[in-house]
Structure formats: structure tokens, C-alpha cells
Amino acid sequence: MLREVLATLGTADDGRLYTNERGGVVGSSTYYRVWQEARALALPPAAVASPLAARPYDLRHSALSTWLNSGVDPTEVAERAGNSVEVLLGPYAKCIDGRQEIANRKIEELLREYE
């Protein structure tokens, strides 16, 4: 679908796929308005009334939090997010709370190899 859109509509001179009506950068207020309209169409009413995915950034936050909490190495998460580990773990370190039992089990398994 993307190739078809590019073949039909092309891009802006600077390579952007979408522009405003004057050919400039789409404003954040426009993104927010369209996001709110899309949420109302895509989610059930109770979810629309909730804070679930209230902003487009919430999708990124949810993905990074989920990856960290599932045990993906922070170095890998940071690389995929385009951040350093330090920048990633500032706001997201709390996402790996509650994983002490898993960490202890991994440490114990490793130590057993040396017995």
C-alpha cells in the first residue's frame, strides 16, 4: 500500500510523506486531532473514555515498557527506540520492577553451573 501511495502521490521535496495544505510540516495539533478521531473509530466507548492511548506517544511508551517488562535486554530496547541505555532507563527503569524473582532464578541457574 505504501509503494502505491508513493507512486501515486510522491513525497514532499524533503522526503516527508504527509504535508499540511500549504506543503509544510503537519502541526502537532493536527496529529492530535486526527489521533482522537481515530481512537473514537477504533476503540470501544469505554476505552475511548479511558486514558488508553490518549496520545500517539503512548504507543511508543507502551511498546518500550512491554519490551523491558518481558525481559528484552535494555541495550536492545534502547537501540530499537533510537536512545542510549541511559536515556531509556531514566523514565523506563520502573517498568522492570517486580522482576526480582526472575532475576534471582537466572542468577541461581548461572551459579549452579559453577558447582
PDB file of N, CA and C in Angstrom:
ATOM      1  N   MET A   1       0.830  -1.187   0.000  1.00  0.00           N
ATOM      2  CA  MET A   1       0.000   0.000   0.000  1.00  0.00           C
ATOM      3  C   MET A   1       0.878   1.256   0.000  1.00  0.00           C
ATOM      4  N   LEU A   2       1.954   1.216   0.792  1.00  0.00           N
ATOM      5  CA  LEU A   2       2.836   2.387   0.856  1.00  0.00           C
ATOM      6  C   LEU A   2       3.460   2.662  -0.510  1.00  0.00           C
ATOM      7  N   ARG A   3       3.912   1.620  -1.176  1.00  0.00           N
ATOM      8  CA  ARG A   3       4.517   1.818  -2.506  1.00  0.00           C
ATOM      9  C   ARG A   3       3.515   2.439  -3.479  1.00  0.00           C
ATOM     10  N   GLU A   4       2.270   2.013  -3.384  1.00  0.00           N
ATOM     11  CA  GLU A   4       1.234   2.553  -4.263  1.00  0.00           C
ATOM     12  C   GLU A   4       1.000   4.035  -3.973  1.00  0.00           C
ATOM     13  N   VAL A   5       0.951   4.386  -2.692  1.00  0.00           N
ATOM     14  CA  VAL A   5       0.770   5.793  -2.318  1.00  0.00           C
ATOM     15  C   VAL A   5       1.950   6.619  -2.810  1.00  0.00           C
ATOM     16  N   LEU A   6       3.161   6.110  -2.615  1.00  0.00           N
ATOM     17  CA  LEU A   6       4.345   6.841  -3.064  1.00  0.00           C
ATOM     18  C   LEU A   6       4.360   7.008  -4.578  1.00  0.00           C
ATOM     19  N   ALA A   7       3.980   5.957  -5.298  1.00  0.00           N
ATOM     20  CA  ALA A   7       3.949   6.040  -6.755  1.00  0.00           C
ATOM     21  C   ALA A   7       2.894   7.029  -7.233  1.00  0.00           C
ATOM     22  N   THR A   8       1.779   7.098  -6.528  1.00  0.00           N
ATOM     23  CA  THR A   8       0.672   7.963  -6.926  1.00  0.00           C
ATOM     24  C   THR A   8       0.883   9.406  -6.484  1.00  0.00           C
ATOM     25  N   LEU A   9       1.262   9.580  -5.209  1.00  0.00           N
ATOM     26  CA  LEU A   9       1.327  10.929  -4.637  1.00  0.00           C
ATOM     27  C   LEU A   9       2.738  11.479  -4.481  1.00  0.00           C
ATOM     28  N   GLY A  10       3.721  10.580  -4.437  1.00  0.00           N
ATOM     29  CA  GLY A  10       5.086  11.044  -4.224  1.00  0.00           C
ATOM     30  C   GLY A  10       5.286  11.543  -2.804  1.00  0.00           C
ATOM     31  N   THR A  11       6.353  12.285  -2.608  1.00  0.00           N
ATOM     32  CA  THR A  11       6.661  12.852  -1.291  1.00  0.00           C
ATOM     33  C   THR A  11       6.928  14.337  -1.446  1.00  0.00           C
ATOM     34  N   ALA A  12       7.044  15.011  -0.322  1.00  0.00           N
ATOM     35  CA  ALA A  12       7.436  16.415  -0.324  1.00  0.00           C
ATOM     36  C   ALA A  12       8.902  16.502  -0.754  1.00  0.00           C
ATOM     37  N   ASP A  13       9.362  17.693  -1.079  1.00  0.00           N
ATOM     38  CA  ASP A  13      10.748  17.880  -1.520  1.00  0.00           C
ATOM     39  C   ASP A  13      11.751  17.346  -0.504  1.00  0.00           C
ATOM     40  N   ASP A  14      11.398  17.414   0.776  1.00  0.00           N
ATOM     41  CA  ASP A  14      12.327  16.945   1.817  1.00  0.00           C
ATOM     42  C   ASP A  14      12.108  15.473   2.173  1.00  0.00           C
ATOM     43  N   GLY A  15      11.236  14.768   1.421  1.00  0.00           N
ATOM     44  CA  GLY A  15      11.029  13.346   1.635  1.00  0.00           C
ATOM     45  C   GLY A  15       9.862  12.986   2.535  1.00  0.00           C
ATOM     46  N   ARG A  16       9.222  13.981   3.139  1.00  0.00           N
ATOM     47  CA  ARG A  16       8.079  13.677   4.004  1.00  0.00           C
ATOM     48  C   ARG A  16       6.921  13.137   3.190  1.00  0.00           C
ATOM     49  N   LEU A  17       6.209  12.196   3.792  1.00  0.00           N
ATOM     50  CA  LEU A  17       5.061  11.589   3.124  1.00  0.00           C
ATOM     51  C   LEU A  17       3.832  12.485   3.224  1.00  0.00           C
ATOM     52  N   TYR A  18       3.656  13.129   4.351  1.00  0.00           N
ATOM     53  CA  TYR A  18       2.475  13.962   4.570  1.00  0.00           C
ATOM     54  C   TYR A  18       2.887  15.406   4.810  1.00  0.00           C
ATOM     55  N   THR A  19       2.109  16.309   4.270  1.00  0.00           N
ATOM     56  CA  THR A  19       2.325  17.741   4.472  1.00  0.00           C
ATOM     57  C   THR A  19       0.992  18.384   4.825  1.00  0.00           C
ATOM     58  N   ASN A  20       1.071  19.613   5.294  1.00  0.00           N
ATOM     59  CA  ASN A  20      -0.175  20.342   5.513  1.00  0.00           C
ATOM     60  C   ASN A  20      -0.663  20.888   4.168  1.00  0.00           C
ATOM     61  N   GLU A  21      -1.764  21.597   4.201  1.00  0.00           N
ATOM     62  CA  GLU A  21      -2.365  22.072   2.948  1.00  0.00           C
ATOM     63  C   GLU A  21      -1.475  23.046   2.182  1.00  0.00           C
ATOM     64  N   ARG A  22      -0.488  23.639   2.852  1.00  0.00           N
ATOM     65  CA  ARG A  22       0.436  24.567   2.189  1.00  0.00           C
ATOM     66  C   ARG A  22       1.757  23.884   1.829  1.00  0.00           C
ATOM     67  N   GLY A  23       1.838  22.566   2.049  1.00  0.00           N
ATOM     68  CA  GLY A  23       3.058  21.846   1.720  1.00  0.00           C
ATOM     69  C   GLY A  23       4.085  21.835   2.840  1.00  0.00           C
ATOM     70  N   GLY A  24       3.726  22.390   3.984  1.00  0.00           N
ATOM     71  CA  GLY A  24       4.646  22.440   5.116  1.00  0.00           C
ATOM     72  C   GLY A  24       4.494  21.258   6.065  1.00  0.00           C
ATOM     73  N   VAL A  25       5.147  21.365   7.193  1.00  0.00           N
ATOM     74  CA  VAL A  25       5.110  20.326   8.217  1.00  0.00           C
ATOM     75  C   VAL A  25       3.719  20.265   8.844  1.00  0.00           C
ATOM     76  N   VAL A  26       3.206  19.055   9.020  1.00  0.00           N
ATOM     77  CA  VAL A  26       1.911  18.882   9.680  1.00  0.00           C
ATOM     78  C   VAL A  26       2.085  19.219  11.155  1.00  0.00           C
ATOM     79  N   GLY A  27       1.246  20.092  11.667  1.00  0.00           N
ATOM     80  CA  GLY A  27       1.357  20.541  13.049  1.00  0.00           C
ATOM     81  C   GLY A  27       0.940  19.490  14.063  1.00  0.00           C
ATOM     82  N   SER A  28       1.492  19.581  15.255  1.00  0.00           N
ATOM     83  CA  SER A  28       1.185  18.606  16.304  1.00  0.00           C
ATOM     84  C   SER A  28      -0.296  18.639  16.672  1.00  0.00           C
ATOM     85  N   SER A  29      -0.929  19.810  16.585  1.00  0.00           N
ATOM     86  CA  SER A  29      -2.353  19.870  16.910  1.00  0.00           C
ATOM     87  C   SER A  29      -3.177  19.078  15.891  1.00  0.00           C
ATOM     88  N   THR A  30      -2.724  19.045  14.648  1.00  0.00           N
ATOM     89  CA  THR A  30      -3.418  18.251  13.626  1.00  0.00           C
ATOM     90  C   THR A  30      -3.258  16.766  13.912  1.00  0.00           C
ATOM     91  N   TYR A  31      -2.026  16.354  14.229  1.00  0.00           N
ATOM     92  CA  TYR A  31      -1.815  14.945  14.588  1.00  0.00           C
ATOM     93  C   TYR A  31      -2.709  14.556  15.758  1.00  0.00           C
ATOM     94  N   TYR A  32      -2.780  15.416  16.770  1.00  0.00           N
ATOM     95  CA  TYR A  32      -3.564  15.112  17.960  1.00  0.00           C
ATOM     96  C   TYR A  32      -5.048  14.979  17.616  1.00  0.00           C
ATOM     97  N   ARG A  33      -5.552  15.902  16.807  1.00  0.00           N
ATOM     98  CA  ARG A  33      -6.971  15.869  16.427  1.00  0.00           C
ATOM     99  C   ARG A  33      -7.295  14.594  15.653  1.00  0.00           C
ATOM    100  N   VAL A  34      -6.448  14.247  14.690  1.00  0.00           N
ATOM    101  CA  VAL A  34      -6.673  13.038  13.896  1.00  0.00           C
ATOM    102  C   VAL A  34      -6.560  11.800  14.793  1.00  0.00           C
ATOM    103  N   TRP A  35      -5.619  11.826  15.720  1.00  0.00           N
ATOM    104  CA  TRP A  35      -5.468  10.694  16.654  1.00  0.00           C
ATOM    105  C   TRP A  35      -6.745  10.494  17.458  1.00  0.00           C
ATOM    106  N   GLN A  36      -7.312  11.586  17.968  1.00  0.00           N
ATOM    107  CA  GLN A  36      -8.537  11.493  18.754  1.00  0.00           C
ATOM    108  C   GLN A  36      -9.691  10.946  17.905  1.00  0.00           C
ATOM    109  N   GLU A  37      -9.777  11.371  16.674  1.00  0.00           N
ATOM    110  CA  GLU A  37     -10.827  10.865  15.784  1.00  0.00           C
ATOM    111  C   GLU A  37     -10.620   9.370  15.513  1.00  0.00           C
ATOM    112  N   ALA A  38      -9.381   8.955  15.292  1.00  0.00           N
ATOM    113  CA  ALA A  38      -9.082   7.544  15.031  1.00  0.00           C
ATOM    114  C   ALA A  38      -9.387   6.682  16.248  1.00  0.00           C
ATOM    115  N   ARG A  39      -9.056   7.176  17.449  1.00  0.00           N
ATOM    116  CA  ARG A  39      -9.365   6.435  18.680  1.00  0.00           C
ATOM    117  C   ARG A  39     -10.858   6.182  18.788  1.00  0.00           C
ATOM    118  N   ALA A  40     -11.632   7.221  18.491  1.00  0.00           N
ATOM    119  CA  ALA A  40     -13.095   7.092  18.601  1.00  0.00           C
ATOM    120  C   ALA A  40     -13.648   6.067  17.614  1.00  0.00           C
ATOM    121  N   LEU A  41     -12.994   5.919  16.480  1.00  0.00           N
ATOM    122  CA  LEU A  41     -13.441   4.941  15.482  1.00  0.00           C
ATOM    123  C   LEU A  41     -12.936   3.530  15.783  1.00  0.00           C
ATOM    124  N   ALA A  42     -11.754   3.436  16.385  1.00  0.00           N
ATOM    125  CA  ALA A  42     -11.106   2.132  16.548  1.00  0.00           C
ATOM    126  C   ALA A  42     -11.384   1.445  17.880  1.00  0.00           C
ATOM    127  N   LEU A  43     -11.699   2.219  18.905  1.00  0.00           N
ATOM    128  CA  LEU A  43     -11.838   1.651  20.245  1.00  0.00           C
ATOM    129  C   LEU A  43     -13.298   1.609  20.689  1.00  0.00           C
ATOM    130  N   PRO A  44     -13.630   0.671  21.571  1.00  0.00           N
ATOM    131  CA  PRO A  44     -14.980   0.683  22.140  1.00  0.00           C
ATOM    132  C   PRO A  44     -15.168   1.919  23.028  1.00  0.00           C
ATOM    133  N   PRO A  45     -16.401   2.348  23.253  1.00  0.00           N
ATOM    134  CA  PRO A  45     -16.652   3.588  24.006  1.00  0.00           C
ATOM    135  C   PRO A  45     -15.968   3.648  25.369  1.00  0.00           C
ATOM    136  N   ALA A  46     -15.936   2.555  26.106  1.00  0.00           N
ATOM    137  CA  ALA A  46     -15.286   2.580  27.432  1.00  0.00           C
ATOM    138  C   ALA A  46     -13.799   2.863  27.308  1.00  0.00           C
ATOM    139  N   ALA A  47     -13.163   2.324  26.279  1.00  0.00           N
ATOM    140  CA  ALA A  47     -11.733   2.568  26.076  1.00  0.00           C
ATOM    141  C   ALA A  47     -11.489   4.006  25.623  1.00  0.00           C
ATOM    142  N   VAL A  48     -12.390   4.538  24.798  1.00  0.00           N
ATOM    143  CA  VAL A  48     -12.250   5.929  24.362  1.00  0.00           C
ATOM    144  C   VAL A  48     -12.333   6.865  25.556  1.00  0.00           C
ATOM    145  N   ALA A  49     -13.185   6.550  26.514  1.00  0.00           N
ATOM    146  CA  ALA A  49     -13.344   7.390  27.705  1.00  0.00           C
ATOM    147  C   ALA A  49     -12.179   7.224  28.676  1.00  0.00           C
ATOM    148  N   SER A  50     -11.359   6.205  28.499  1.00  0.00           N
ATOM    149  CA  SER A  50     -10.236   5.943  29.392  1.00  0.00           C
ATOM    150  C   SER A  50      -8.983   6.659  28.881  1.00  0.00           C
ATOM    151  N   PRO A  51      -7.899   6.624  29.666  1.00  0.00           N
ATOM    152  CA  PRO A  51      -6.645   7.233  29.196  1.00  0.00           C
ATOM    153  C   PRO A  51      -5.868   6.341  28.222  1.00  0.00           C
ATOM    154  N   LEU A  52      -6.397   5.183  27.865  1.00  0.00           N
ATOM    155  CA  LEU A  52      -5.715   4.252  26.965  1.00  0.00           C
ATOM    156  C   LEU A  52      -5.349   4.938  25.651  1.00  0.00           C
ATOM    157  N   ALA A  53      -4.056   4.934  25.335  1.00  0.00           N
ATOM    158  CA  ALA A  53      -3.562   5.512  24.076  1.00  0.00           C
ATOM    159  C   ALA A  53      -4.128   6.904  23.831  1.00  0.00           C
ATOM    160  N   ALA A  54      -4.135   7.716  24.870  1.00  0.00           N
ATOM    161  CA  ALA A  54      -4.693   9.060  24.732  1.00  0.00           C
ATOM    162  C   ALA A  54      -3.881   9.929  23.775  1.00  0.00           C
ATOM    163  N   ARG A  55      -2.573   9.657  23.682  1.00  0.00           N
ATOM    164  CA  ARG A  55      -1.703  10.416  22.771  1.00  0.00           C
ATOM    165  C   ARG A  55      -0.938   9.428  21.891  1.00  0.00           C
ATOM    166  N   PRO A  56      -0.535   9.831  20.695  1.00  0.00           N
ATOM    167  CA  PRO A  56       0.262   8.923  19.866  1.00  0.00           C
ATOM    168  C   PRO A  56       1.518   8.426  20.586  1.00  0.00           C
ATOM    169  N   TYR A  57       2.134   9.274  21.405  1.00  0.00           N
ATOM    170  CA  TYR A  57       3.347   8.876  22.130  1.00  0.00           C
ATOM    171  C   TYR A  57       3.077   7.698  23.057  1.00  0.00           C
ATOM    172  N   ASP A  58       1.848   7.540  23.514  1.00  0.00           N
ATOM    173  CA  ASP A  58       1.520   6.435  24.422  1.00  0.00           C
ATOM    174  C   ASP A  58       1.797   5.076  23.784  1.00  0.00           C
ATOM    175  N   LEU A  59       1.701   4.979  22.464  1.00  0.00           N
ATOM    176  CA  LEU A  59       2.005   3.716  21.797  1.00  0.00           C
ATOM    177  C   LEU A  59       3.483   3.375  21.943  1.00  0.00           C
ATOM    178  N   ARG A  60       4.345   4.360  21.777  1.00  0.00           N
ATOM    179  CA  ARG A  60       5.787   4.152  21.950  1.00  0.00           C
ATOM    180  C   ARG A  60       6.079   3.757  23.388  1.00  0.00           C
ATOM    181  N   HIS A  61       5.501   4.493  24.317  1.00  0.00           N
ATOM    182  CA  HIS A  61       5.713   4.210  25.733  1.00  0.00           C
ATOM    183  C   HIS A  61       5.261   2.786  26.073  1.00  0.00           C
ATOM    184  N   SER A  62       4.120   2.406  25.554  1.00  0.00           N
ATOM    185  CA  SER A  62       3.595   1.065  25.807  1.00  0.00           C
ATOM    186  C   SER A  62       4.517  -0.009  25.238  1.00  0.00           C
ATOM    187  N   ALA A  63       5.001   0.211  24.023  1.00  0.00           N
ATOM    188  CA  ALA A  63       5.893  -0.781  23.398  1.00  0.00           C
ATOM    189  C   ALA A  63       7.181  -0.928  24.200  1.00  0.00           C
ATOM    190  N   LEU A  64       7.818   0.183  24.531  1.00  0.00           N
ATOM    191  CA  LEU A  64       9.088   0.109  25.263  1.00  0.00           C
ATOM    192  C   LEU A  64       8.899  -0.509  26.636  1.00  0.00           C
ATOM    193  N   SER A  65       7.835  -0.136  27.323  1.00  0.00           N
ATOM    194  CA  SER A  65       7.551  -0.696  28.647  1.00  0.00           C
ATOM    195  C   SER A  65       7.320  -2.201  28.551  1.00  0.00           C
ATOM    196  N   THR A  66       6.558  -2.615  27.548  1.00  0.00           N
ATOM    197  CA  THR A  66       6.263  -4.034  27.375  1.00  0.00           C
ATOM    198  C   THR A  66       7.522  -4.822  27.075  1.00  0.00           C
ATOM    199  N   TRP A  67       8.367  -4.297  26.195  1.00  0.00           N
ATOM    200  CA  TRP A  67       9.604  -4.998  25.847  1.00  0.00           C
ATOM    201  C   TRP A  67      10.488  -5.158  27.079  1.00  0.00           C
ATOM    202  N   LEU A  68      10.654  -4.079  27.838  1.00  0.00           N
ATOM    203  CA  LEU A  68      11.500  -4.155  29.037  1.00  0.00           C
ATOM    204  C   LEU A  68      10.922  -5.127  30.055  1.00  0.00           C
ATOM    205  N   ASN A  69       9.629  -5.045  30.281  1.00  0.00           N
ATOM    206  CA  ASN A  69       8.999  -5.895  31.281  1.00  0.00           C
ATOM    207  C   ASN A  69       8.991  -7.362  30.872  1.00  0.00           C
ATOM    208  N   SER A  70       9.055  -7.622  29.569  1.00  0.00           N
ATOM    209  CA  SER A  70       9.084  -9.019  29.112  1.00  0.00           C
ATOM    210  C   SER A  70      10.487  -9.603  29.186  1.00  0.00           C
ATOM    211  N   GLY A  71      11.469  -8.769  29.529  1.00  0.00           N
ATOM    212  CA  GLY A  71      12.828  -9.273  29.699  1.00  0.00           C
ATOM    213  C   GLY A  71      13.761  -9.001  28.543  1.00  0.00           C
ATOM    214  N   VAL A  72      13.320  -8.228  27.548  1.00  0.00           N
ATOM    215  CA  VAL A  72      14.230  -7.884  26.454  1.00  0.00           C
ATOM    216  C   VAL A  72      15.356  -7.036  27.033  1.00  0.00           C
ATOM    217  N   ASP A  73      16.569  -7.339  26.624  1.00  0.00           N
ATOM    218  CA  ASP A  73      17.744  -6.627  27.127  1.00  0.00           C
ATOM    219  C   ASP A  73      17.598  -5.123  26.882  1.00  0.00           C
ATOM    220  N   PRO A  74      17.833  -4.295  27.905  1.00  0.00           N
ATOM    221  CA  PRO A  74      17.697  -2.845  27.736  1.00  0.00           C
ATOM    222  C   PRO A  74      18.549  -2.269  26.614  1.00  0.00           C
ATOM    223  N   THR A  75      19.688  -2.880  26.338  1.00  0.00           N
ATOM    224  CA  THR A  75      20.522  -2.401  25.235  1.00  0.00           C
ATOM    225  C   THR A  75      19.782  -2.554  23.909  1.00  0.00           C
ATOM    226  N   GLU A  76      19.099  -3.685  23.734  1.00  0.00           N
ATOM    227  CA  GLU A  76      18.333  -3.923  22.507  1.00  0.00           C
ATOM    228  C   GLU A  76      17.135  -2.972  22.423  1.00  0.00           C
ATOM    229  N   VAL A  77      16.444  -2.791  23.522  1.00  0.00           N
ATOM    230  CA  VAL A  77      15.287  -1.878  23.537  1.00  0.00           C
ATOM    231  C   VAL A  77      15.739  -0.462  23.202  1.00  0.00           C
ATOM    232  N   ALA A  78      16.841  -0.030  23.811  1.00  0.00           N
ATOM    233  CA  ALA A  78      17.353   1.316  23.560  1.00  0.00           C
ATOM    234  C   ALA A  78      17.705   1.500  22.087  1.00  0.00           C
ATOM    235  N   GLU A  79      18.355   0.492  21.496  1.00  0.00           N
ATOM    236  CA  GLU A  79      18.728   0.594  20.083  1.00  0.00           C
ATOM    237  C   GLU A  79      17.490   0.705  19.198  1.00  0.00           C
ATOM    238  N   ARG A  80      16.488  -0.122  19.473  1.00  0.00           N
ATOM    239  CA  ARG A  80      15.258  -0.066  18.671  1.00  0.00           C
ATOM    240  C   ARG A  80      14.525   1.254  18.842  1.00  0.00           C
ATOM    241  N   ALA A  81      14.647   1.844  20.042  1.00  0.00           N
ATOM    242  CA  ALA A  81      13.968   3.113  20.316  1.00  0.00           C
ATOM    243  C   ALA A  81      14.760   4.315  19.820  1.00  0.00           C
ATOM    244  N   GLY A  82      16.022   4.076  19.426  1.00  0.00           N
ATOM    245  CA  GLY A  82      16.859   5.191  18.990  1.00  0.00           C
ATOM    246  C   GLY A  82      17.381   6.008  20.146  1.00  0.00           C
ATOM    247  N   ASN A  83      17.559   5.360  21.306  1.00  0.00           N
ATOM    248  CA  ASN A  83      18.058   6.036  22.507  1.00  0.00           C
ATOM    249  C   ASN A  83      19.298   5.328  23.022  1.00  0.00           C
ATOM    250  N   SER A  84      20.010   6.004  23.915  1.00  0.00           N
ATOM    251  CA  SER A  84      21.057   5.327  24.672  1.00  0.00           C
ATOM    252  C   SER A  84      20.375   4.587  25.823  1.00  0.00           C
ATOM    253  N   VAL A  85      21.085   3.632  26.413  1.00  0.00           N
ATOM    254  CA  VAL A  85      20.534   2.906  27.558  1.00  0.00           C
ATOM    255  C   VAL A  85      20.244   3.879  28.697  1.00  0.00           C
ATOM    256  N   GLU A  86      21.138   4.859  28.900  1.00  0.00           N
ATOM    257  CA  GLU A  86      20.938   5.836  29.976  1.00  0.00           C
ATOM    258  C   GLU A  86      19.654   6.629  29.777  1.00  0.00           C
ATOM    259  N   VAL A  87      19.418   7.081  28.545  1.00  0.00           N
ATOM    260  CA  VAL A  87      18.207   7.854  28.258  1.00  0.00           C
ATOM    261  C   VAL A  87      16.973   6.964  28.410  1.00  0.00           C
ATOM    262  N   LEU A  88      17.078   5.723  27.958  1.00  0.00           N
ATOM    263  CA  LEU A  88      15.952   4.793  28.055  1.00  0.00           C
ATOM    264  C   LEU A  88      15.578   4.508  29.506  1.00  0.00           C
ATOM    265  N   LEU A  89      16.568   4.188  30.323  1.00  0.00           N
ATOM    266  CA  LEU A  89      16.270   3.737  31.677  1.00  0.00           C
ATOM    267  C   LEU A  89      15.881   4.860  32.627  1.00  0.00           C
ATOM    268  N   GLY A  90      16.138   6.101  32.253  1.00  0.00           N
ATOM    269  CA  GLY A  90      15.672   7.204  33.098  1.00  0.00           C
ATOM    270  C   GLY A  90      14.178   7.078  33.371  1.00  0.00           C
ATOM    271  N   PRO A  91      13.358   7.211  32.335  1.00  0.00           N
ATOM    272  CA  PRO A  91      11.915   7.112  32.566  1.00  0.00           C
ATOM    273  C   PRO A  91      11.369   5.687  32.634  1.00  0.00           C
ATOM    274  N   TYR A  92      12.098   4.707  32.109  1.00  0.00           N
ATOM    275  CA  TYR A  92      11.532   3.368  31.980  1.00  0.00           C
ATOM    276  C   TYR A  92      12.062   2.349  32.987  1.00  0.00           C
ATOM    277  N   ALA A  93      12.981   2.727  33.858  1.00  0.00           N
ATOM    278  CA  ALA A  93      13.528   1.761  34.822  1.00  0.00           C
ATOM    279  C   ALA A  93      12.424   1.151  35.674  1.00  0.00           C
ATOM    280  N   LYS A  94      11.413   1.933  35.982  1.00  0.00           N
ATOM    281  CA  LYS A  94      10.315   1.425  36.813  1.00  0.00           C
ATOM    282  C   LYS A  94       9.543   0.297  36.119  1.00  0.00           C
ATOM    283  N   CYS A  95       9.687   0.183  34.793  1.00  0.00           N
ATOM    284  CA  CYS A  95       8.970  -0.860  34.055  1.00  0.00           C
ATOM    285  C   CYS A  95       9.531  -2.248  34.327  1.00  0.00           C
ATOM    286  N   ILE A  96      10.738  -2.308  34.848  1.00  0.00           N
ATOM    287  CA  ILE A  96      11.320  -3.617  35.109  1.00  0.00           C
ATOM    288  C   ILE A  96      11.245  -3.973  36.588  1.00  0.00           C
ATOM    289  N   ASP A  97      10.507  -3.186  37.355  1.00  0.00           N
ATOM    290  CA  ASP A  97      10.257  -3.529  38.759  1.00  0.00           C
ATOM    291  C   ASP A  97       9.443  -4.814  38.823  1.00  0.00           C
ATOM    292  N   GLY A  98       9.601  -5.526  39.915  1.00  0.00           N
ATOM    293  CA  GLY A  98       8.830  -6.736  40.109  1.00  0.00           C
ATOM    294  C   GLY A  98       9.413  -7.944  39.415  1.00  0.00           C
ATOM    295  N   ARG A  99      10.585  -7.807  38.854  1.00  0.00           N
ATOM    296  CA  ARG A  99      11.214  -8.913  38.150  1.00  0.00           C
ATOM    297  C   ARG A  99      12.342  -9.525  38.971  1.00  0.00           C
ATOM    298  N   GLN A 100      12.355  -9.224  40.281  1.00  0.00           N
ATOM    299  CA  GLN A 100      13.423  -9.731  41.133  1.00  0.00           C
ATOM    300  C   GLN A 100      13.446 -11.255  41.170  1.00  0.00           C
ATOM    301  N   GLU A 101      12.275 -11.878  41.232  1.00  0.00           N
ATOM    302  CA  GLU A 101      12.215 -13.340  41.289  1.00  0.00           C
ATOM    303  C   GLU A 101      12.831 -13.967  40.043  1.00  0.00           C
ATOM    304  N   ILE A 102      12.529 -13.395  38.897  1.00  0.00           N
ATOM    305  CA  ILE A 102      13.093 -13.904  37.650  1.00  0.00           C
ATOM    306  C   ILE A 102      14.600 -13.702  37.638  1.00  0.00           C
ATOM    307  N   ALA A 103      15.043 -12.518  38.067  1.00  0.00           N
ATOM    308  CA  ALA A 103      16.483 -12.241  38.112  1.00  0.00           C
ATOM    309  C   ALA A 103      17.183 -13.197  39.064  1.00  0.00           C
ATOM    310  N   ASN A 104      16.611 -13.416  40.241  1.00  0.00           N
ATOM    311  CA  ASN A 104      17.214 -14.340  41.208  1.00  0.00           C
ATOM    312  C   ASN A 104      17.325 -15.738  40.639  1.00  0.00           C
ATOM    313  N   ARG A 105      16.294 -16.187  39.941  1.00  0.00           N
ATOM    314  CA  ARG A 105      16.313 -17.521  39.344  1.00  0.00           C
ATOM    315  C   ARG A 105      17.425 -17.638  38.299  1.00  0.00           C
ATOM    316  N   LYS A 106      17.582 -16.623  37.470  1.00  0.00           N
ATOM    317  CA  LYS A 106      18.636 -16.635  36.458  1.00  0.00           C
ATOM    318  C   LYS A 106      20.020 -16.658  37.098  1.00  0.00           C
ATOM    319  N   ILE A 107      20.199 -15.878  38.156  1.00  0.00           N
ATOM    320  CA  ILE A 107      21.487 -15.848  38.855  1.00  0.00           C
ATOM    321  C   ILE A 107      21.777 -17.203  39.480  1.00  0.00           C
ATOM    322  N   GLU A 108      20.779 -17.791  40.123  1.00  0.00           N
ATOM    323  CA  GLU A 108      20.962 -19.105  40.751  1.00  0.00           C
ATOM    324  C   GLU A 108      21.299 -20.169  39.710  1.00  0.00           C
ATOM    325  N   GLU A 109      20.626 -20.128  38.550  1.00  0.00           N
ATOM    326  CA  GLU A 109      20.916 -21.097  37.490  1.00  0.00           C
ATOM    327  C   GLU A 109      22.362 -20.958  37.016  1.00  0.00           C
ATOM    328  N   LEU A 110      22.804 -19.717  36.853  1.00  0.00           N
ATOM    329  CA  LEU A 110      24.183 -19.495  36.422  1.00  0.00           C
ATOM    330  C   LEU A 110      25.168 -19.999  37.465  1.00  0.00           C
ATOM    331  N   LEU A 111      24.907 -19.705  38.739  1.00  0.00           N
ATOM    332  CA  LEU A 111      25.823 -20.132  39.798  1.00  0.00           C
ATOM    333  C   LEU A 111      25.885 -21.658  39.909  1.00  0.00           C
ATOM    334  N   ARG A 112      24.782 -22.340  39.629  1.00  0.00           N
ATOM    335  CA  ARG A 112      24.780 -23.803  39.670  1.00  0.00           C
ATOM    336  C   ARG A 112      25.734 -24.408  38.643  1.00  0.00           C
ATOM    337  N   GLU A 113      25.938 -23.691  37.554  1.00  0.00           N
ATOM    338  CA  GLU A 113      26.876 -24.168  36.523  1.00  0.00           C
ATOM    339  C   GLU A 113      28.306 -24.236  37.052  1.00  0.00           C
ATOM    340  N   TYR A 114      28.613 -23.466  38.082  1.00  0.00           N
ATOM    341  CA  TYR A 114      29.966 -23.429  38.633  1.00  0.00           C
ATOM    342  C   TYR A 114      30.157 -24.400  39.791  1.00  0.00           C
ATOM    343  N   GLU A 115      29.120 -25.121  40.174  1.00  0.00           N
ATOM    344  CA  GLU A 115      29.234 -26.076  41.287  1.00  0.00           C
ATOM    345  C   GLU A 115      29.963 -27.327  40.872  1.00  0.00           C
TER     346      GLU A 115
END
